[in-house]
Amino acid sequence: MREETYSLRSAQPLTEAYIHRTDDRLEALYGYHAGAEEDWERRAKRLQQSSHVRAEAAEVAGVLRVYNERAGAAPEVFASISAIAEGALVVVGGQQAGLWTGPLLVIHKAVSIIGAAKSASEQLGQTVVPVFWIAGEDHDWDEANHAYVISAEQELRKLSVARPEGARTSVSRTKLTGEDWATLLAELEKALPSSEFKPVMLEELRQMSQRADSLSDFFAMLLGHLFGKHGLVLLDSDHESIRRLEAPMFQRIIQRNNELEKAYASSAAQIKELDYELQAEVTPGSANLFFFHADNGNERTLLHKKDGVFQDRRGHLSLTETELLQIAIDEPQQLSNNVLTRPLMQDYLFPVLATVLGPGEIAYWALTGEAFRTLGMEMPIIVPRMSYTLIEGTVAKHMGKYELTFADVMERFEERKADWLKEQDGLSIEEQFADARDAFEQLYKPLLALATSVQPSLSKLGDTNLQKIVEQINYMGSKTVDAFNKQFEASTRQLDRIHLSILPLGKPQERVLNMAAYWNRYSLNWLDSLLDAPYSRTGGHEIVYL
């Protein structure tokens, strides 16, 4: 295995400025920086002094132990949970559950969480536990319900499951049947090429499906299977036992909701003043909390404030602050965070040394700094997740054959492909047709001038006639080039395979492809390659050759 580094810039100027420290004004938004070693020491010390404002570590560990046991956790995970019970710091990051874990970036985030925790442990000389926060409370089914794999026919195949009938509730509360899992497994088996590892992989997935009631359940089991030996602790944010631990923080968020609203608005104004765009909506009157409406099939409904009352947009639901506080005490499972309050809840449950975030997340976390301070808390260190591109042996071989660098594929593939085909054209087809077209135009223009001199009205007809003939010459030239290129269909397929593997749908591999195809071909050795690749606290992109 070999690795290379490539600068894969995000589309978030705010994130880029934070990572590379090109704007010192951002310190007021983020506080700490992942690349400053002294900040890790300062954050650790701060956490040791603030344990009284968080949930009881032993209670959190008790809930985690039960949840991870159900997910089939490895012994190393329970060792991590025991460390949490004793007050160990954590590095946490998360993602919505996805089919077969979703796109590769989910795997990259887990790898980054493990890498950041290990790096911090070495620096601080104490156990730092990696924690993966499964955002099971999210209700965007279309984002969670599918996975892309490259099929045996070298085609991109989308595998998906339709949302079951019922209310628009969270992914964790959306139940799938044994028949659903059987269908999904059959589709996966059909899509993937045969391999020596395929039967074992499918059998392991079948066994998990027998214990999974939802995408979140299966997601947890898969992550546990992939990363359990590295001590990665799992948590589903929509688990009822977690909700009960969160009850005191929900009460604080409700009681100080107006202050928090002002805090988010203040941060938003500051970001705009710095000439950056907001990456999360800060809506006046929003409570930044969701409510699971039991009378409407547990539909997850965003709460807004109007005249001192919490309600949904349509006004069908109406709760006073006192009523909502009582719900937080008695039935906290009816409440759910949004993207702006989730960071606060995360920091209430755990002594979060650092949080691993993707580019978009880093940008919208800038909105939360003032909210942390409002509640007497502090934003943790923001760690950009690592990203990777996996390049298989056949793809690497073809890249060498066509003298393509990774940058060529990412930045100018179609141009390089066209150049290669043109280089094979010993007949100079395009050039010959261009010469013929130019020669014809030179012969025709005097005739057109002659016709116009005889009758001026023939000028327009002549121009039209010339254009049609030129179009036909171009058409014949194009057809001749296509016929010539058919001689290189095998090469074209190889070139297209390179592009499909590295830049599917014109996007970085990590945003599209699922890990199942790599597990199918390499067992879990491909995952070891990621875990063994260079790690940086400030993120980066590594090219990993399998």
Protein backbone atom coordinates (compact mmCIF):
# COMPACT_ATOMS: atom_id res chain seq x y z
CA MET A 1 0.00 0.00 0.00
CA ARG A 2 1.13 3.54 -0.71
CA GLU A 3 -0.38 6.93 0.03
CA GLU A 4 -0.27 10.34 -1.56
CA THR A 5 -1.59 13.68 -0.39
CA TYR A 6 -3.90 15.86 -2.46
CA SER A 7 -5.37 19.25 -1.61
CA LEU A 8 -9.11 18.72 -1.82
CA ARG A 9 -10.53 22.13 -0.98
CA SER A 10 -14.05 22.42 0.37
CA ALA A 11 -16.68 24.79 -0.99
CA GLN A 12 -16.86 26.52 2.39
CA PRO A 13 -14.68 29.67 2.59
CA LEU A 14 -15.31 29.91 6.35
CA THR A 15 -14.10 26.34 6.84
CA GLU A 16 -11.02 26.89 4.70
CA ALA A 17 -10.17 30.04 6.64
CA TYR A 18 -10.53 28.18 9.95
CA ILE A 19 -8.42 25.19 8.90
CA HIS A 20 -5.58 27.21 7.39
CA ARG A 21 -5.79 30.07 9.91
CA THR A 22 -5.92 32.71 7.20
CA ASP A 23 -8.35 34.94 9.11
CA ASP A 24 -7.44 35.65 12.72
CA ARG A 25 -10.88 37.24 13.24
CA LEU A 26 -12.33 33.71 13.40
CA GLU A 27 -10.76 33.10 16.80
CA ALA A 28 -13.71 34.97 18.30
CA LEU A 29 -16.06 32.44 16.70
CA TYR A 30 -14.22 29.21 17.43
CA GLY A 31 -11.87 29.91 20.33
CA TYR A 32 -9.59 26.89 20.06
CA HIS A 33 -7.79 25.58 16.98
CA ALA A 34 -7.10 21.93 16.22
CA GLY A 35 -3.57 22.68 14.99
CA ALA A 36 -2.45 24.36 18.23
CA GLU A 37 -1.09 21.76 20.67
CA GLU A 38 -1.43 24.11 23.62
CA ASP A 39 -5.17 24.39 22.94
CA TRP A 40 -5.59 20.67 23.62
CA GLU A 41 -3.93 21.13 26.99
CA ARG A 42 -6.09 24.18 27.76
CA ARG A 43 -9.33 22.45 26.78
CA ALA A 44 -8.48 19.35 28.85
CA LYS A 45 -7.81 21.51 31.91
CA ARG A 46 -11.04 23.44 31.40
CA LEU A 47 -13.04 20.19 31.26
CA GLN A 48 -11.50 18.94 34.49
CA GLN A 49 -12.78 22.09 36.20
CA SER A 50 -16.33 21.91 34.82
CA SER A 51 -17.52 18.36 35.47
CA HIS A 52 -20.28 19.69 37.76
CA VAL A 53 -22.21 21.19 34.80
CA ARG A 54 -22.47 17.91 32.90
CA ALA A 55 -24.46 14.71 33.22
CA GLU A 56 -23.12 12.14 35.66
CA ALA A 57 -20.40 10.17 33.86
CA ALA A 58 -21.40 6.89 35.53
CA GLU A 59 -25.03 7.29 34.39
CA VAL A 60 -23.97 8.08 30.83
CA ALA A 61 -21.69 5.05 30.83
CA GLY A 62 -24.50 2.83 32.10
CA VAL A 63 -26.74 3.82 29.19
CA LEU A 64 -23.89 3.43 26.70
CA ARG A 65 -23.10 -0.01 28.02
CA VAL A 66 -26.63 -1.28 27.43
CA TYR A 67 -26.89 0.29 23.97
CA ASN A 68 -23.51 -0.96 22.74
CA GLU A 69 -24.17 -4.43 24.09
CA ARG A 70 -27.31 -4.62 21.95
CA ALA A 71 -25.24 -3.48 18.96
CA GLY A 72 -22.85 -6.40 19.52
CA ALA A 73 -19.91 -4.33 20.72
CA ALA A 74 -16.37 -5.66 21.05
CA PRO A 75 -14.55 -5.91 24.43
CA GLU A 76 -12.51 -2.83 23.54
CA VAL A 77 -15.72 -0.77 23.40
CA PHE A 78 -16.67 -1.75 26.94
CA ALA A 79 -13.18 -0.80 28.08
CA SER A 80 -13.79 2.63 26.53
CA ILE A 81 -17.14 2.91 28.30
CA SER A 82 -15.51 2.05 31.62
CA ALA A 83 -13.06 4.88 30.99
CA ILE A 84 -15.98 7.26 30.34
CA ALA A 85 -17.51 6.19 33.69
CA GLU A 86 -14.27 7.22 35.36
CA GLY A 87 -14.33 10.66 33.75
CA ALA A 88 -12.25 10.12 30.58
CA LEU A 89 -12.38 12.87 27.98
CA VAL A 90 -13.90 12.06 24.59
CA VAL A 91 -13.52 12.98 20.95
CA VAL A 92 -16.94 12.85 19.36
CA GLY A 93 -18.28 13.12 15.84
CA GLY A 94 -21.40 11.87 14.17
CA GLN A 95 -23.57 11.38 11.15
CA GLN A 96 -27.08 10.41 10.25
CA ALA A 97 -27.55 6.66 9.86
CA GLY A 98 -27.35 5.48 6.26
CA LEU A 99 -28.02 2.27 4.35
CA TRP A 100 -24.93 0.01 4.52
CA THR A 101 -23.35 3.02 6.38
CA GLY A 102 -24.09 5.44 3.51
CA PRO A 103 -21.30 7.21 1.56
CA LEU A 104 -17.64 6.63 2.39
CA LEU A 105 -17.36 9.96 4.19
CA VAL A 106 -19.14 8.28 7.13
CA ILE A 107 -16.30 5.78 7.33
CA HIS A 108 -13.80 8.62 7.03
CA LYS A 109 -15.42 10.40 9.95
CA ALA A 110 -15.16 7.30 12.16
CA VAL A 111 -11.51 6.89 11.16
CA SER A 112 -10.90 10.56 11.97
CA ILE A 113 -12.57 10.28 15.39
CA ILE A 114 -10.37 7.32 16.24
CA GLY A 115 -7.28 9.10 14.92
CA ALA A 116 -8.01 12.29 16.88
CA ALA A 117 -8.65 10.38 20.11
CA LYS A 118 -5.44 8.40 19.72
CA SER A 119 -3.44 11.54 18.95
CA ALA A 120 -4.89 13.35 21.98
CA SER A 121 -4.23 10.37 24.25
CA GLU A 122 -0.58 10.36 23.24
CA GLN A 123 -0.20 14.10 23.81
CA LEU A 124 -2.06 14.30 27.13
CA GLY A 125 -0.85 11.01 28.57
CA GLN A 126 -4.39 9.93 29.46
CA THR A 127 -7.19 7.91 27.92
CA VAL A 128 -9.27 9.83 25.40
CA VAL A 129 -12.26 7.86 24.13
CA PRO A 130 -13.59 7.96 20.53
CA VAL A 131 -17.40 8.34 20.39
CA PHE A 132 -19.64 8.16 17.32
CA TRP A 133 -22.91 10.09 17.68
CA ILE A 134 -25.55 8.47 15.44
CA ALA A 135 -28.02 11.24 14.59
CA GLY A 136 -31.00 8.91 14.72
CA GLU A 137 -33.34 11.79 15.57
CA ASP A 138 -33.00 13.23 12.05
CA HIS A 139 -36.02 12.63 9.83
CA ASP A 140 -34.56 13.11 6.33
CA TRP A 141 -35.31 9.64 5.02
CA ASP A 142 -34.22 10.38 1.46
CA GLU A 143 -30.74 11.20 2.74
CA ALA A 144 -30.48 7.99 4.75
CA ASN A 145 -32.23 5.38 2.61
CA HIS A 146 -29.73 4.64 -0.14
CA ALA A 147 -26.23 3.58 -1.07
CA TYR A 148 -24.26 3.63 -4.33
CA VAL A 149 -22.04 0.75 -5.41
CA ILE A 150 -20.15 -0.01 -8.60
CA SER A 151 -21.67 -3.17 -10.02
CA ALA A 152 -20.01 -6.14 -11.71
CA GLU A 153 -20.88 -4.45 -15.02
CA GLN A 154 -18.87 -1.38 -13.95
CA GLU A 155 -22.00 0.71 -13.62
CA LEU A 156 -23.03 2.92 -10.73
CA ARG A 157 -25.97 1.25 -9.00
CA LYS A 158 -28.22 2.99 -6.48
CA LEU A 159 -29.68 0.68 -3.84
CA SER A 160 -32.49 2.12 -1.75
CA VAL A 161 -35.47 1.40 0.46
CA ALA A 162 -38.72 3.35 0.38
CA ARG A 163 -40.00 4.97 3.55
CA PRO A 164 -42.67 2.79 5.17
CA GLU A 165 -46.16 4.24 5.32
CA GLY A 166 -46.74 6.57 8.24
CA ALA A 167 -45.76 9.90 9.74
CA ARG A 168 -42.54 11.74 8.96
CA THR A 169 -40.76 10.70 12.12
CA SER A 170 -37.09 10.11 12.92
CA VAL A 171 -34.98 7.53 11.12
CA SER A 172 -34.56 5.59 14.38
CA ARG A 173 -38.34 5.41 14.86
CA THR A 174 -39.01 4.35 11.26
CA LYS A 175 -39.32 0.58 11.43
CA LEU A 176 -38.18 -1.84 8.74
CA THR A 177 -39.41 -5.42 8.48
CA GLY A 178 -37.57 -8.67 7.91
CA GLU A 179 -38.98 -8.61 4.38
CA ASP A 180 -37.45 -5.15 3.81
CA TRP A 181 -34.02 -6.40 4.89
CA ALA A 182 -34.30 -9.53 2.77
CA THR A 183 -35.07 -7.40 -0.30
CA LEU A 184 -32.18 -5.04 0.42
CA LEU A 185 -29.74 -7.90 0.92
CA ALA A 186 -30.89 -9.56 -2.32
CA GLU A 187 -30.32 -6.30 -4.21
CA LEU A 188 -26.87 -5.90 -2.70
CA GLU A 189 -25.94 -9.48 -3.53
CA LYS A 190 -27.10 -9.03 -7.12
CA ALA A 191 -25.26 -5.72 -7.56
CA LEU A 192 -21.85 -6.78 -6.26
CA PRO A 193 -19.47 -8.96 -8.31
CA SER A 194 -18.55 -12.41 -7.05
CA SER A 195 -15.57 -12.61 -4.73
CA GLU A 196 -14.04 -14.93 -2.17
CA PHE A 197 -15.23 -12.65 0.65
CA LYS A 198 -18.78 -12.08 -0.58
CA PRO A 199 -20.51 -15.10 1.06
CA VAL A 200 -19.07 -14.32 4.50
CA MET A 201 -19.89 -10.62 4.21
CA LEU A 202 -23.49 -11.30 3.18
CA GLU A 203 -23.96 -13.82 5.98
CA GLU A 204 -22.69 -11.31 8.55
CA LEU A 205 -25.10 -8.71 7.17
CA ARG A 206 -27.98 -11.21 7.30
CA GLN A 207 -27.27 -11.93 10.94
CA MET A 208 -27.30 -8.21 11.73
CA SER A 209 -30.57 -7.74 9.85
CA GLN A 210 -32.27 -10.29 12.13
CA ARG A 211 -31.64 -7.97 15.11
CA ALA A 212 -32.24 -4.63 13.39
CA ASP A 213 -35.58 -2.83 13.59
CA SER A 214 -34.42 0.33 11.82
CA LEU A 215 -31.67 1.79 9.65
CA SER A 216 -30.15 3.23 12.83
CA ASP A 217 -30.00 -0.22 14.45
CA PHE A 218 -28.25 -1.72 11.44
CA PHE A 219 -25.96 1.29 11.12
CA ALA A 220 -24.82 0.85 14.73
CA MET A 221 -24.17 -2.86 14.27
CA LEU A 222 -22.15 -2.22 11.14
CA LEU A 223 -20.04 0.49 12.74
CA GLY A 224 -19.50 -1.77 15.73
CA HIS A 225 -18.38 -4.58 13.45
CA LEU A 226 -16.01 -2.32 11.51
CA PHE A 227 -14.51 -0.30 14.37
CA GLY A 228 -15.21 -2.18 17.60
CA LYS A 229 -11.62 -3.33 18.05
CA HIS A 230 -10.57 0.33 18.09
CA GLY A 231 -12.82 1.06 21.05
CA LEU A 232 -15.28 3.29 19.15
CA VAL A 233 -18.28 3.89 21.42
CA LEU A 234 -21.67 4.29 19.72
CA LEU A 235 -24.65 6.40 20.75
CA ASP A 236 -28.04 6.92 19.10
CA SER A 237 -29.26 10.44 19.86
CA ASP A 238 -32.87 9.25 19.61
CA HIS A 239 -32.51 6.41 22.11
CA GLU A 240 -35.03 6.78 24.94
CA SER A 241 -32.44 6.15 27.68
CA ILE A 242 -30.21 8.90 26.29
CA ARG A 243 -33.19 11.23 26.16
CA ARG A 244 -33.80 10.72 29.88
CA LEU A 245 -30.23 11.73 30.65
CA GLU A 246 -30.72 14.82 28.49
CA ALA A 247 -33.82 16.00 30.39
CA PRO A 248 -32.00 18.64 32.54
CA MET A 249 -30.37 20.17 29.47
CA PHE A 250 -33.69 20.29 27.61
CA GLN A 251 -35.05 22.23 30.60
CA ARG A 252 -32.18 24.72 30.39
CA ILE A 253 -32.68 25.16 26.64
CA ILE A 254 -36.40 25.80 27.16
CA GLN A 255 -35.96 28.18 30.13
CA ARG A 256 -33.29 30.23 28.38
CA ASN A 257 -34.65 29.88 24.87
CA ASN A 258 -34.99 33.60 24.22
CA GLU A 259 -31.40 34.18 25.33
CA LEU A 260 -30.22 31.38 23.06
CA GLU A 261 -32.17 32.83 20.15
CA LYS A 262 -30.37 36.14 20.66
CA ALA A 263 -27.04 34.32 20.92
CA TYR A 264 -27.53 32.56 17.57
CA ALA A 265 -28.65 35.82 15.96
CA SER A 266 -25.58 37.60 17.37
CA SER A 267 -23.22 34.96 15.97
CA ALA A 268 -25.02 35.09 12.61
CA ALA A 269 -24.60 38.85 12.46
CA GLN A 270 -20.93 38.52 13.31
CA ILE A 271 -20.38 35.96 10.55
CA LYS A 272 -22.09 38.21 8.03
CA GLU A 273 -19.98 41.17 9.15
CA LEU A 274 -16.91 39.06 8.40
CA ASP A 275 -18.30 38.54 4.84
CA TYR A 276 -19.01 34.82 5.19
CA GLU A 277 -22.27 33.12 4.27
CA LEU A 278 -24.39 31.37 6.90
CA GLN A 279 -24.49 27.58 6.56
CA ALA A 280 -27.51 27.04 8.81
CA GLU A 281 -30.73 28.98 8.99
CA VAL A 282 -31.17 31.26 12.00
CA THR A 283 -34.90 31.89 12.04
CA PRO A 284 -36.46 34.55 14.25
CA GLY A 285 -38.85 32.92 16.70
CA SER A 286 -37.43 29.42 16.25
CA ALA A 287 -37.05 27.40 19.46
CA ASN A 288 -34.35 25.28 17.77
CA LEU A 289 -36.10 22.22 19.18
CA PHE A 290 -38.28 19.54 17.61
CA PHE A 291 -41.28 17.89 19.19
CA PHE A 292 -42.48 14.35 18.42
CA HIS A 293 -46.21 14.88 18.06
CA ALA A 294 -47.83 11.74 19.51
CA ASP A 295 -51.26 12.71 18.16
CA ASN A 296 -49.81 12.78 14.66
CA GLY A 297 -47.93 9.47 14.51
CA ASN A 298 -44.82 10.87 16.24
CA GLU A 299 -44.16 13.27 13.39
CA ARG A 300 -41.04 15.31 14.17
CA THR A 301 -42.21 18.92 14.25
CA LEU A 302 -40.05 22.04 14.59
CA LEU A 303 -41.19 24.33 17.38
CA HIS A 304 -41.57 28.11 17.05
CA LYS A 305 -42.44 30.78 19.59
CA LYS A 306 -45.36 33.12 19.32
CA ASP A 307 -46.85 35.23 22.09
CA GLY A 308 -45.02 33.23 24.73
CA VAL A 309 -46.28 29.89 23.40
CA PHE A 310 -44.36 27.08 21.66
CA GLN A 311 -46.15 25.86 18.54
CA ASP A 312 -45.72 24.34 15.11
CA ARG A 313 -45.87 26.46 11.95
CA ARG A 314 -49.52 25.58 11.32
CA GLY A 315 -50.62 26.30 14.87
CA HIS A 316 -52.01 22.78 15.34
CA LEU A 317 -49.76 22.27 18.35
CA SER A 318 -49.57 24.79 21.17
CA LEU A 319 -47.62 24.44 24.44
CA THR A 320 -46.84 26.92 27.16
CA GLU A 321 -43.33 27.08 28.57
CA THR A 322 -44.59 25.37 31.73
CA GLU A 323 -46.14 22.54 29.71
CA LEU A 324 -43.01 22.09 27.61
CA LEU A 325 -40.82 22.04 30.74
CA GLN A 326 -43.03 19.33 32.22
CA ILE A 327 -42.64 17.29 29.05
CA ALA A 328 -38.86 17.71 29.33
CA ILE A 329 -39.07 16.27 32.84
CA ASP A 330 -41.63 13.49 32.31
CA GLU A 331 -41.29 12.57 28.63
CA PRO A 332 -37.99 13.91 27.25
CA GLN A 333 -38.20 11.33 24.45
CA GLN A 334 -40.80 13.66 22.88
CA LEU A 335 -38.12 16.33 22.40
CA SER A 336 -35.30 16.49 19.87
CA ASN A 337 -32.46 18.89 19.08
CA ASN A 338 -31.82 20.67 15.81
CA VAL A 339 -28.39 21.43 14.32
CA LEU A 340 -27.89 24.47 16.58
CA THR A 341 -28.81 22.87 19.92
CA ARG A 342 -27.27 19.47 19.26
CA PRO A 343 -23.72 20.78 19.95
CA LEU A 344 -24.89 22.01 23.37
CA MET A 345 -26.47 18.67 24.21
CA GLN A 346 -23.36 16.81 23.11
CA ASP A 347 -21.26 18.90 25.48
CA TYR A 348 -23.71 18.30 28.32
CA LEU A 349 -23.51 14.52 28.02
CA PHE A 350 -19.74 14.24 27.61
CA PRO A 351 -16.51 16.03 28.52
CA VAL A 352 -15.89 16.75 24.83
CA LEU A 353 -12.24 17.51 24.26
CA ALA A 354 -12.79 17.84 20.52
CA THR A 355 -15.47 17.25 17.93
CA VAL A 356 -14.71 15.92 14.44
CA LEU A 357 -16.69 17.75 11.77
CA GLY A 358 -17.05 17.84 8.00
CA PRO A 359 -16.65 21.08 5.99
CA GLY A 360 -20.29 22.13 6.16
CA GLU A 361 -20.53 21.33 9.86
CA ILE A 362 -17.46 23.43 10.67
CA ALA A 363 -19.12 26.37 8.93
CA TYR A 364 -22.41 26.14 10.80
CA TRP A 365 -20.79 25.42 14.18
CA ALA A 366 -19.51 29.01 13.97
CA LEU A 367 -23.08 29.97 14.88
CA THR A 368 -22.93 28.20 18.25
CA GLY A 369 -20.08 29.89 20.12
CA GLU A 370 -22.24 32.58 21.75
CA ALA A 371 -24.88 29.98 22.65
CA PHE A 372 -22.24 27.92 24.48
CA ARG A 373 -21.20 31.00 26.44
CA THR A 374 -24.81 31.87 27.25
CA LEU A 375 -25.13 28.57 29.11
CA GLY A 376 -21.74 28.93 30.80
CA MET A 377 -20.17 26.38 28.46
CA GLU A 378 -17.44 26.50 25.87
CA MET A 379 -17.17 25.25 22.31
CA PRO A 380 -14.84 22.24 22.08
CA ILE A 381 -11.88 22.05 19.72
CA ILE A 382 -13.11 21.74 16.13
CA VAL A 383 -11.24 19.00 14.27
CA PRO A 384 -11.69 18.76 10.48
CA ARG A 385 -12.32 15.18 9.46
CA MET A 386 -9.83 13.49 7.18
CA SER A 387 -10.91 12.50 3.68
CA TYR A 388 -9.53 9.74 1.49
CA THR A 389 -9.72 8.34 -2.01
CA LEU A 390 -9.32 4.60 -2.38
CA ILE A 391 -7.60 3.54 -5.60
CA GLU A 392 -7.73 -0.12 -6.49
CA GLY A 393 -4.90 -1.91 -8.26
CA THR A 394 -6.64 -2.15 -11.62
CA VAL A 395 -7.52 1.54 -11.56
CA ALA A 396 -3.95 2.47 -10.62
CA LYS A 397 -2.66 0.30 -13.46
CA HIS A 398 -4.93 2.02 -15.98
CA MET A 399 -3.92 5.45 -14.68
CA GLY A 400 -0.30 4.51 -15.35
CA LYS A 401 -1.15 3.21 -18.80
CA TYR A 402 -2.79 6.50 -19.81
CA GLU A 403 -0.30 8.63 -17.87
CA LEU A 404 -3.02 10.14 -15.68
CA THR A 405 -2.23 11.70 -12.34
CA PHE A 406 -4.81 11.92 -9.57
CA ALA A 407 -5.07 15.66 -10.26
CA ASP A 408 -5.75 14.89 -13.93
CA VAL A 409 -8.76 12.76 -12.98
CA MET A 410 -10.08 15.25 -10.43
CA GLU A 411 -9.57 18.44 -12.42
CA ARG A 412 -9.37 17.78 -16.16
CA PHE A 413 -10.40 14.22 -16.94
CA GLU A 414 -12.52 14.84 -20.05
CA GLU A 415 -9.79 17.03 -21.52
CA ARG A 416 -7.10 14.40 -20.90
CA LYS A 417 -9.36 11.65 -22.28
CA ALA A 418 -10.04 13.64 -25.45
CA ASP A 419 -6.34 14.44 -25.80
CA TRP A 420 -5.43 10.75 -25.55
CA LEU A 421 -7.94 9.74 -28.22
CA LYS A 422 -6.74 12.56 -30.47
CA GLU A 423 -3.16 11.36 -30.09
CA GLN A 424 -4.21 7.99 -31.51
CA ASP A 425 -5.55 9.64 -34.67
CA GLY A 426 -2.76 9.02 -37.13
CA LEU A 427 -5.15 9.96 -39.93
CA SER A 428 -5.66 13.49 -38.56
CA ILE A 429 -9.37 13.12 -39.24
CA GLU A 430 -10.50 16.33 -37.57
CA GLU A 431 -7.73 18.28 -39.28
CA GLN A 432 -8.57 16.89 -42.72
CA PHE A 433 -12.26 17.70 -42.36
CA ALA A 434 -11.40 21.18 -41.07
CA ASP A 435 -9.17 21.71 -44.15
CA ALA A 436 -11.97 20.50 -46.43
CA ARG A 437 -14.48 22.82 -44.74
CA ASP A 438 -12.14 25.81 -45.10
CA ALA A 439 -11.42 24.95 -48.74
CA PHE A 440 -15.11 24.64 -49.53
CA GLU A 441 -15.87 28.00 -47.92
CA GLN A 442 -13.13 29.63 -49.98
CA LEU A 443 -14.57 28.11 -53.19
CA TYR A 444 -18.17 28.92 -52.31
CA LYS A 445 -17.86 32.55 -51.22
CA PRO A 446 -17.04 33.87 -54.76
CA LEU A 447 -20.06 31.95 -56.07
CA LEU A 448 -22.20 33.51 -53.35
CA ALA A 449 -20.92 36.96 -54.31
CA LEU A 450 -21.76 36.21 -57.98
CA ALA A 451 -25.30 35.10 -57.12
CA THR A 452 -25.86 38.22 -54.99
CA SER A 453 -24.68 40.47 -57.83
CA VAL A 454 -27.23 38.88 -60.14
CA GLN A 455 -30.04 39.14 -57.57
CA PRO A 456 -29.42 40.68 -54.09
CA SER A 457 -32.25 38.66 -52.53
CA LEU A 458 -30.20 35.48 -53.13
CA SER A 459 -27.72 36.58 -50.41
CA LYS A 460 -29.78 35.21 -47.50
CA LEU A 461 -30.51 31.97 -49.36
CA GLY A 462 -26.83 31.59 -50.12
CA ASP A 463 -25.80 32.10 -46.50
CA THR A 464 -28.34 29.49 -45.40
CA ASN A 465 -27.13 27.10 -48.06
CA LEU A 466 -23.49 27.59 -47.00
CA GLN A 467 -24.37 26.96 -43.35
CA LYS A 468 -26.21 23.73 -44.19
CA ILE A 469 -23.32 22.39 -46.24
CA VAL A 470 -20.80 23.29 -43.51
CA GLU A 471 -23.04 21.56 -40.94
CA GLN A 472 -23.10 18.44 -43.10
CA ILE A 473 -19.31 18.46 -43.42
CA ASN A 474 -19.04 18.81 -39.63
CA TYR A 475 -21.59 16.04 -39.13
CA MET A 476 -19.67 13.70 -41.42
CA GLY A 477 -16.45 14.59 -39.63
CA SER A 478 -18.03 13.86 -36.25
CA LYS A 479 -19.34 10.49 -37.45
CA THR A 480 -15.92 9.61 -38.86
CA VAL A 481 -14.27 10.47 -35.53
CA ASP A 482 -16.85 8.34 -33.67
CA ALA A 483 -16.21 5.43 -36.03
CA PHE A 484 -12.47 5.81 -35.50
CA ASN A 485 -12.84 5.99 -31.73
CA LYS A 486 -14.83 2.74 -31.70
CA GLN A 487 -11.52 1.05 -32.40
CA PHE A 488 -10.57 2.17 -28.88
CA GLU A 489 -13.69 1.10 -27.02
CA ALA A 490 -11.67 -1.03 -24.61
CA SER A 491 -9.47 1.93 -23.80
CA THR A 492 -12.50 4.18 -23.42
CA ARG A 493 -14.03 1.71 -20.95
CA GLN A 494 -10.80 1.66 -18.97
CA LEU A 495 -10.68 5.45 -18.90
CA ASP A 496 -14.31 5.65 -17.84
CA ARG A 497 -13.70 3.09 -15.10
CA ILE A 498 -10.98 5.34 -13.68
CA HIS A 499 -13.40 8.25 -13.61
CA LEU A 500 -16.26 6.21 -12.14
CA SER A 501 -14.04 4.94 -9.34
CA ILE A 502 -12.46 8.27 -8.38
CA LEU A 503 -15.04 10.90 -9.36
CA PRO A 504 -18.49 9.22 -9.58
CA LEU A 505 -21.32 11.52 -10.63
CA GLY A 506 -18.64 14.20 -10.95
CA LYS A 507 -18.21 14.26 -7.15
CA PRO A 508 -15.39 13.12 -4.85
CA GLN A 509 -15.57 9.39 -4.23
CA GLU A 510 -16.32 9.83 -0.52
CA ARG A 511 -19.58 11.66 -1.21
CA VAL A 512 -21.06 8.92 -3.41
CA LEU A 513 -19.64 5.41 -3.12
CA ASN A 514 -20.49 2.99 -0.34
CA MET A 515 -17.97 0.80 1.46
CA ALA A 516 -19.71 -2.51 0.62
CA ALA A 517 -17.88 -2.95 -2.70
CA TYR A 518 -14.49 -2.65 -0.96
CA TRP A 519 -15.50 -5.02 1.83
CA ASN A 520 -16.69 -7.44 -0.86
CA ARG A 521 -13.35 -7.36 -2.66
CA TYR A 522 -10.80 -6.94 0.13
CA SER A 523 -12.54 -8.20 3.30
CA LEU A 524 -11.70 -5.56 5.92
CA ASN A 525 -8.10 -5.04 4.82
CA TRP A 526 -9.14 -1.86 2.98
CA LEU A 527 -10.27 -0.42 6.30
CA ASP A 528 -6.90 -1.16 7.88
CA SER A 529 -5.33 0.79 5.01
CA LEU A 530 -7.37 3.86 5.99
CA LEU A 531 -6.57 3.50 9.67
CA ASP A 532 -2.87 3.13 8.88
CA ALA A 533 -2.79 6.17 6.56
CA PRO A 534 -1.24 9.42 7.86
CA TYR A 535 -3.51 11.37 10.21
CA SER A 536 -3.58 15.14 10.74
CA ARG A 537 -5.54 17.09 13.34
CA THR A 538 -6.18 19.79 10.76
CA GLY A 539 -7.62 17.36 8.22
CA GLY A 540 -6.39 16.74 4.71
CA HIS A 541 -6.94 14.36 1.84
CA GLU A 542 -4.98 11.15 1.48
CA ILE A 543 -4.90 8.99 -1.64
CA VAL A 544 -4.73 5.36 -0.52
CA TYR A 545 -3.70 2.69 -3.02
CA LEU A 546 -5.13 -0.75 -2.21
